[in-house]
Amino acid sequence: METTTIAINTMVKEEMQQFGNKGESYSEIILKLIKSAKERQLHDILMDERGFVPIEEALKEAEKRWPK
């Protein structure tokens, strides 16, 4: 895999090291952080209650629209 160099300040480097384990490369740490961020975004989307309709209300509405 091709590599590149990125510049980060010392504080960011020290903070990032807290997320890694001995022997992990910075690439591995960054990938782990990206995976965690993506999982968090998905969680936030799935748990967002804006537009949320309780199941009881949805069932009542369905019964009105499509009576048995």
PDB file of N, CA and C in Angstrom:
ATOM      1  N   MET A   1       0.844  -1.176   0.000  1.00  0.00           N
ATOM      2  CA  MET A   1       0.000   0.000   0.000  1.00  0.00           C
ATOM      3  C   MET A   1       0.886   1.235   0.000  1.00  0.00           C
ATOM      4  N   GLU A   2       0.493   2.204  -0.803  1.00  0.00           N
ATOM      5  CA  GLU A   2       1.244   3.446  -0.896  1.00  0.00           C
ATOM      6  C   GLU A   2       1.082   4.250   0.387  1.00  0.00           C
ATOM      7  N   THR A   3       2.102   4.967   0.784  1.00  0.00           N
ATOM      8  CA  THR A   3       2.035   5.776   2.003  1.00  0.00           C
ATOM      9  C   THR A   3       2.223   7.252   1.668  1.00  0.00           C
ATOM     10  N   THR A   4       1.844   8.074   2.619  1.00  0.00           N
ATOM     11  CA  THR A   4       2.012   9.514   2.506  1.00  0.00           C
ATOM     12  C   THR A   4       2.383  10.062   3.874  1.00  0.00           C
ATOM     13  N   THR A   5       2.789  11.285   3.909  1.00  0.00           N
ATOM     14  CA  THR A   5       3.139  11.941   5.162  1.00  0.00           C
ATOM     15  C   THR A   5       2.105  13.021   5.444  1.00  0.00           C
ATOM     16  N   ILE A   6       1.625  13.051   6.673  1.00  0.00           N
ATOM     17  CA  ILE A   6       0.715  14.115   7.089  1.00  0.00           C
ATOM     18  C   ILE A   6       1.325  14.823   8.285  1.00  0.00           C
ATOM     19  N   ALA A   7       1.082  16.104   8.370  1.00  0.00           N
ATOM     20  CA  ALA A   7       1.615  16.888   9.487  1.00  0.00           C
ATOM     21  C   ALA A   7       0.525  17.055  10.536  1.00  0.00           C
ATOM     22  N   ILE A   8       0.854  16.706  11.765  1.00  0.00           N
ATOM     23  CA  ILE A   8      -0.040  16.935  12.896  1.00  0.00           C
ATOM     24  C   ILE A   8       0.785  17.561  14.013  1.00  0.00           C
ATOM     25  N   ASN A   9       0.111  18.302  14.885  1.00  0.00           N
ATOM     26  CA  ASN A   9       0.880  18.905  15.963  1.00  0.00           C
ATOM     27  C   ASN A   9       1.124  17.865  17.059  1.00  0.00           C
ATOM     28  N   THR A  10       2.042  18.170  17.925  1.00  0.00           N
ATOM     29  CA  THR A  10       2.474  17.234  18.967  1.00  0.00           C
ATOM     30  C   THR A  10       1.328  16.824  19.879  1.00  0.00           C
ATOM     31  N   MET A  11       0.449  17.759  20.209  1.00  0.00           N
ATOM     32  CA  MET A  11      -0.667  17.439  21.082  1.00  0.00           C
ATOM     33  C   MET A  11      -1.572  16.376  20.441  1.00  0.00           C
ATOM     34  N   VAL A  12      -1.854  16.526  19.142  1.00  0.00           N
ATOM     35  CA  VAL A  12      -2.695  15.554  18.444  1.00  0.00           C
ATOM     36  C   VAL A  12      -2.003  14.188  18.430  1.00  0.00           C
ATOM     37  N   LYS A  13      -0.721  14.166  18.195  1.00  0.00           N
ATOM     38  CA  LYS A  13       0.037  12.910  18.192  1.00  0.00           C
ATOM     39  C   LYS A  13      -0.068  12.214  19.549  1.00  0.00           C
ATOM     40  N   GLU A  14       0.090  12.980  20.614  1.00  0.00           N
ATOM     41  CA  GLU A  14       0.006  12.399  21.956  1.00  0.00           C
ATOM     42  C   GLU A  14      -1.394  11.882  22.245  1.00  0.00           C
ATOM     43  N   GLU A  15      -2.415  12.643  21.844  1.00  0.00           N
ATOM     44  CA  GLU A  15      -3.802  12.200  22.034  1.00  0.00           C
ATOM     45  C   GLU A  15      -4.066  10.916  21.240  1.00  0.00           C
ATOM     46  N   MET A  16      -3.600  10.876  20.011  1.00  0.00           N
ATOM     47  CA  MET A  16      -3.821   9.722  19.150  1.00  0.00           C
ATOM     48  C   MET A  16      -3.153   8.469  19.728  1.00  0.00           C
ATOM     49  N   GLN A  17      -2.004   8.627  20.321  1.00  0.00           N
ATOM     50  CA  GLN A  17      -1.292   7.484  20.899  1.00  0.00           C
ATOM     51  C   GLN A  17      -2.106   6.802  22.002  1.00  0.00           C
ATOM     52  N   GLN A  18      -2.982   7.548  22.654  1.00  0.00           N
ATOM     53  CA  GLN A  18      -3.805   6.979  23.722  1.00  0.00           C
ATOM     54  C   GLN A  18      -4.796   5.948  23.183  1.00  0.00           C
ATOM     55  N   PHE A  19      -5.083   6.006  21.885  1.00  0.00           N
ATOM     56  CA  PHE A  19      -6.033   5.074  21.284  1.00  0.00           C
ATOM     57  C   PHE A  19      -5.366   3.840  20.702  1.00  0.00           C
ATOM     58  N   GLY A  20      -4.058   3.819  20.706  1.00  0.00           N
ATOM     59  CA  GLY A  20      -3.343   2.696  20.113  1.00  0.00           C
ATOM     60  C   GLY A  20      -2.810   1.726  21.146  1.00  0.00           C
ATOM     61  N   ASN A  21      -2.411   0.572  20.657  1.00  0.00           N
ATOM     62  CA  ASN A  21      -1.762  -0.437  21.483  1.00  0.00           C
ATOM     63  C   ASN A  21      -0.309  -0.551  21.060  1.00  0.00           C
ATOM     64  N   LYS A  22       0.492  -1.099  21.919  1.00  0.00           N
ATOM     65  CA  LYS A  22       1.903  -1.258  21.613  1.00  0.00           C
ATOM     66  C   LYS A  22       2.062  -2.034  20.308  1.00  0.00           C
ATOM     67  N   GLY A  23       2.862  -1.495  19.423  1.00  0.00           N
ATOM     68  CA  GLY A  23       3.130  -2.159  18.156  1.00  0.00           C
ATOM     69  C   GLY A  23       2.208  -1.739  17.021  1.00  0.00           C
ATOM     70  N   GLU A  24       1.145  -0.981  17.336  1.00  0.00           N
ATOM     71  CA  GLU A  24       0.244  -0.519  16.280  1.00  0.00           C
ATOM     72  C   GLU A  24       0.843   0.687  15.569  1.00  0.00           C
ATOM     73  N   SER A  25       0.675   0.720  14.269  1.00  0.00           N
ATOM     74  CA  SER A  25       1.137   1.876  13.495  1.00  0.00           C
ATOM     75  C   SER A  25       0.102   2.993  13.606  1.00  0.00           C
ATOM     76  N   TYR A  26       0.519   4.187  13.221  1.00  0.00           N
ATOM     77  CA  TYR A  26      -0.426   5.302  13.224  1.00  0.00           C
ATOM     78  C   TYR A  26      -1.562   5.023  12.235  1.00  0.00           C
ATOM     79  N   SER A  27      -1.252   4.387  11.121  1.00  0.00           N
ATOM     80  CA  SER A  27      -2.299   4.027  10.152  1.00  0.00           C
ATOM     81  C   SER A  27      -3.340   3.125  10.796  1.00  0.00           C
ATOM     82  N   GLU A  28      -2.895   2.151  11.567  1.00  0.00           N
ATOM     83  CA  GLU A  28      -3.831   1.242  12.240  1.00  0.00           C
ATOM     84  C   GLU A  28      -4.687   1.988  13.263  1.00  0.00           C
ATOM     85  N   ILE A  29      -4.069   2.907  13.993  1.00  0.00           N
ATOM     86  CA  ILE A  29      -4.808   3.693  14.983  1.00  0.00           C
ATOM     87  C   ILE A  29      -5.851   4.565  14.282  1.00  0.00           C
ATOM     88  N   ILE A  30      -5.440   5.222  13.210  1.00  0.00           N
ATOM     89  CA  ILE A  30      -6.378   6.090  12.484  1.00  0.00           C
ATOM     90  C   ILE A  30      -7.516   5.265  11.906  1.00  0.00           C
ATOM     91  N   LEU A  31      -7.238   4.108  11.335  1.00  0.00           N
ATOM     92  CA  LEU A  31      -8.298   3.245  10.802  1.00  0.00           C
ATOM     93  C   LEU A  31      -9.268   2.818  11.901  1.00  0.00           C
ATOM     94  N   LYS A  32      -8.726   2.517  13.076  1.00  0.00           N
ATOM     95  CA  LYS A  32      -9.577   2.142  14.199  1.00  0.00           C
ATOM     96  C   LYS A  32     -10.483   3.315  14.608  1.00  0.00           C
ATOM     97  N   LEU A  33      -9.934   4.521  14.628  1.00  0.00           N
ATOM     98  CA  LEU A  33     -10.720   5.707  14.968  1.00  0.00           C
ATOM     99  C   LEU A  33     -11.787   5.986  13.909  1.00  0.00           C
ATOM    100  N   ILE A  34     -11.444   5.805  12.640  1.00  0.00           N
ATOM    101  CA  ILE A  34     -12.411   6.008  11.560  1.00  0.00           C
ATOM    102  C   ILE A  34     -13.545   5.003  11.677  1.00  0.00           C
ATOM    103  N   LYS A  35     -13.219   3.736  11.937  1.00  0.00           N
ATOM    104  CA  LYS A  35     -14.245   2.700  12.082  1.00  0.00           C
ATOM    105  C   LYS A  35     -15.184   3.056  13.238  1.00  0.00           C
ATOM    106  N   SER A  36     -14.612   3.485  14.345  1.00  0.00           N
ATOM    107  CA  SER A  36     -15.414   3.867  15.508  1.00  0.00           C
ATOM    108  C   SER A  36     -16.316   5.056  15.186  1.00  0.00           C
ATOM    109  N   ALA A  37     -15.789   6.040  14.461  1.00  0.00           N
ATOM    110  CA  ALA A  37     -16.582   7.216  14.095  1.00  0.00           C
ATOM    111  C   ALA A  37     -17.742   6.824  13.179  1.00  0.00           C
ATOM    112  N   LYS A  38     -17.493   5.927  12.228  1.00  0.00           N
ATOM    113  CA  LYS A  38     -18.554   5.469  11.325  1.00  0.00           C
ATOM    114  C   LYS A  38     -19.635   4.719  12.098  1.00  0.00           C
ATOM    115  N   GLU A  39     -19.225   3.871  13.032  1.00  0.00           N
ATOM    116  CA  GLU A  39     -20.193   3.134  13.846  1.00  0.00           C
ATOM    117  C   GLU A  39     -21.031   4.096  14.678  1.00  0.00           C
ATOM    118  N   ARG A  40     -20.400   5.135  15.204  1.00  0.00           N
ATOM    119  CA  ARG A  40     -21.115   6.122  16.002  1.00  0.00           C
ATOM    120  C   ARG A  40     -22.119   6.898  15.152  1.00  0.00           C
ATOM    121  N   GLN A  41     -21.705   7.254  13.935  1.00  0.00           N
ATOM    122  CA  GLN A  41     -22.617   7.962  13.033  1.00  0.00           C
ATOM    123  C   GLN A  41     -23.831   7.096  12.716  1.00  0.00           C
ATOM    124  N   LEU A  42     -23.607   5.820  12.434  1.00  0.00           N
ATOM    125  CA  LEU A  42     -24.707   4.910  12.146  1.00  0.00           C
ATOM    126  C   LEU A  42     -25.628   4.793  13.356  1.00  0.00           C
ATOM    127  N   HIS A  43     -25.045   4.658  14.532  1.00  0.00           N
ATOM    128  CA  HIS A  43     -25.826   4.582  15.763  1.00  0.00           C
ATOM    129  C   HIS A  43     -26.689   5.826  15.925  1.00  0.00           C
ATOM    130  N   ASP A  44     -26.084   6.998  15.709  1.00  0.00           N
ATOM    131  CA  ASP A  44     -26.821   8.252  15.863  1.00  0.00           C
ATOM    132  C   ASP A  44     -27.975   8.347  14.866  1.00  0.00           C
ATOM    133  N   ILE A  45     -27.764   7.885  13.647  1.00  0.00           N
ATOM    134  CA  ILE A  45     -28.827   7.900  12.638  1.00  0.00           C
ATOM    135  C   ILE A  45     -29.954   6.958  13.045  1.00  0.00           C
ATOM    136  N   LEU A  46     -29.595   5.752  13.454  1.00  0.00           N
ATOM    137  CA  LEU A  46     -30.603   4.754  13.805  1.00  0.00           C
ATOM    138  C   LEU A  46     -31.373   5.120  15.070  1.00  0.00           C
ATOM    139  N   MET A  47     -30.743   5.830  15.995  1.00  0.00           N
ATOM    140  CA  MET A  47     -31.386   6.159  17.262  1.00  0.00           C
ATOM    141  C   MET A  47     -32.008   7.552  17.271  1.00  0.00           C
ATOM    142  N   ASP A  48     -31.945   8.259  16.152  1.00  0.00           N
ATOM    143  CA  ASP A  48     -32.518   9.595  16.058  1.00  0.00           C
ATOM    144  C   ASP A  48     -34.031   9.509  16.197  1.00  0.00           C
ATOM    145  N   GLU A  49     -34.583  10.244  17.131  1.00  0.00           N
ATOM    146  CA  GLU A  49     -36.015  10.169  17.402  1.00  0.00           C
ATOM    147  C   GLU A  49     -36.816  11.227  16.647  1.00  0.00           C
ATOM    148  N   ARG A  50     -36.155  12.074  15.853  1.00  0.00           N
ATOM    149  CA  ARG A  50     -36.906  13.047  15.053  1.00  0.00           C
ATOM    150  C   ARG A  50     -37.714  12.266  14.021  1.00  0.00           C
ATOM    151  N   GLY A  51     -38.977  12.559  13.965  1.00  0.00           N
ATOM    152  CA  GLY A  51     -39.847  11.841  13.045  1.00  0.00           C
ATOM    153  C   GLY A  51     -40.252  10.474  13.560  1.00  0.00           C
ATOM    154  N   PHE A  52     -39.891  10.157  14.777  1.00  0.00           N
ATOM    155  CA  PHE A  52     -40.180   8.870  15.401  1.00  0.00           C
ATOM    156  C   PHE A  52     -41.672   8.753  15.693  1.00  0.00           C
ATOM    157  N   VAL A  53     -42.237   7.607  15.376  1.00  0.00           N
ATOM    158  CA  VAL A  53     -43.636   7.326  15.687  1.00  0.00           C
ATOM    159  C   VAL A  53     -43.659   6.065  16.543  1.00  0.00           C
ATOM    160  N   PRO A  54     -44.232   6.146  17.744  1.00  0.00           N
ATOM    161  CA  PRO A  54     -44.300   4.946  18.585  1.00  0.00           C
ATOM    162  C   PRO A  54     -45.064   3.829  17.867  1.00  0.00           C
ATOM    163  N   ILE A  55     -44.679   2.592  18.101  1.00  0.00           N
ATOM    164  CA  ILE A  55     -45.279   1.448  17.425  1.00  0.00           C
ATOM    165  C   ILE A  55     -46.783   1.385  17.648  1.00  0.00           C
ATOM    166  N   GLU A  56     -47.227   1.731  18.841  1.00  0.00           N
ATOM    167  CA  GLU A  56     -48.664   1.698  19.133  1.00  0.00           C
ATOM    168  C   GLU A  56     -49.419   2.653  18.217  1.00  0.00           C
ATOM    169  N   GLU A  57     -48.874   3.850  18.031  1.00  0.00           N
ATOM    170  CA  GLU A  57     -49.496   4.838  17.161  1.00  0.00           C
ATOM    171  C   GLU A  57     -49.481   4.365  15.699  1.00  0.00           C
ATOM    172  N   ALA A  58     -48.386   3.779  15.277  1.00  0.00           N
ATOM    173  CA  ALA A  58     -48.280   3.274  13.911  1.00  0.00           C
ATOM    174  C   ALA A  58     -49.286   2.160  13.669  1.00  0.00           C
ATOM    175  N   LEU A  59     -49.478   1.275  14.646  1.00  0.00           N
ATOM    176  CA  LEU A  59     -50.444   0.183  14.507  1.00  0.00           C
ATOM    177  C   LEU A  59     -51.877   0.713  14.422  1.00  0.00           C
ATOM    178  N   LYS A  60     -52.198   1.727  15.234  1.00  0.00           N
ATOM    179  CA  LYS A  60     -53.535   2.328  15.183  1.00  0.00           C
ATOM    180  C   LYS A  60     -53.785   2.958  13.820  1.00  0.00           C
ATOM    181  N   GLU A  61     -52.798   3.672  13.310  1.00  0.00           N
ATOM    182  CA  GLU A  61     -52.929   4.311  11.995  1.00  0.00           C
ATOM    183  C   GLU A  61     -53.089   3.262  10.894  1.00  0.00           C
ATOM    184  N   ALA A  62     -52.346   2.183  10.987  1.00  0.00           N
ATOM    185  CA  ALA A  62     -52.446   1.106  10.002  1.00  0.00           C
ATOM    186  C   ALA A  62     -53.836   0.469  10.051  1.00  0.00           C
ATOM    187  N   GLU A  63     -54.371   0.293  11.224  1.00  0.00           N
ATOM    188  CA  GLU A  63     -55.706  -0.304  11.384  1.00  0.00           C
ATOM    189  C   GLU A  63     -56.767   0.605  10.756  1.00  0.00           C
ATOM    190  N   LYS A  64     -56.603   1.926  10.932  1.00  0.00           N
ATOM    191  CA  LYS A  64     -57.547   2.871  10.320  1.00  0.00           C
ATOM    192  C   LYS A  64     -57.481   2.793   8.787  1.00  0.00           C
ATOM    193  N   ARG A  65     -56.272   2.740   8.276  1.00  0.00           N
ATOM    194  CA  ARG A  65     -56.094   2.751   6.823  1.00  0.00           C
ATOM    195  C   ARG A  65     -56.472   1.428   6.185  1.00  0.00           C
ATOM    196  N   TRP A  66     -56.153   0.346   6.845  1.00  0.00           N
ATOM    197  CA  TRP A  66     -56.364  -0.978   6.274  1.00  0.00           C
ATOM    198  C   TRP A  66     -57.080  -1.884   7.278  1.00  0.00           C
ATOM    199  N   PRO A  67     -58.369  -1.613   7.512  1.00  0.00           N
ATOM    200  CA  PRO A  67     -59.100  -2.443   8.474  1.00  0.00           C
ATOM    201  C   PRO A  67     -59.151  -3.899   8.003  1.00  0.00           C
ATOM    202  N   LYS A  68     -59.229  -4.782   8.951  1.00  0.00           N
ATOM    203  CA  LYS A  68     -59.245  -6.216   8.630  1.00  0.00           C
ATOM    204  C   LYS A  68     -60.573  -6.652   8.094  1.00  0.00           C
TER     205      LYS A  68
END
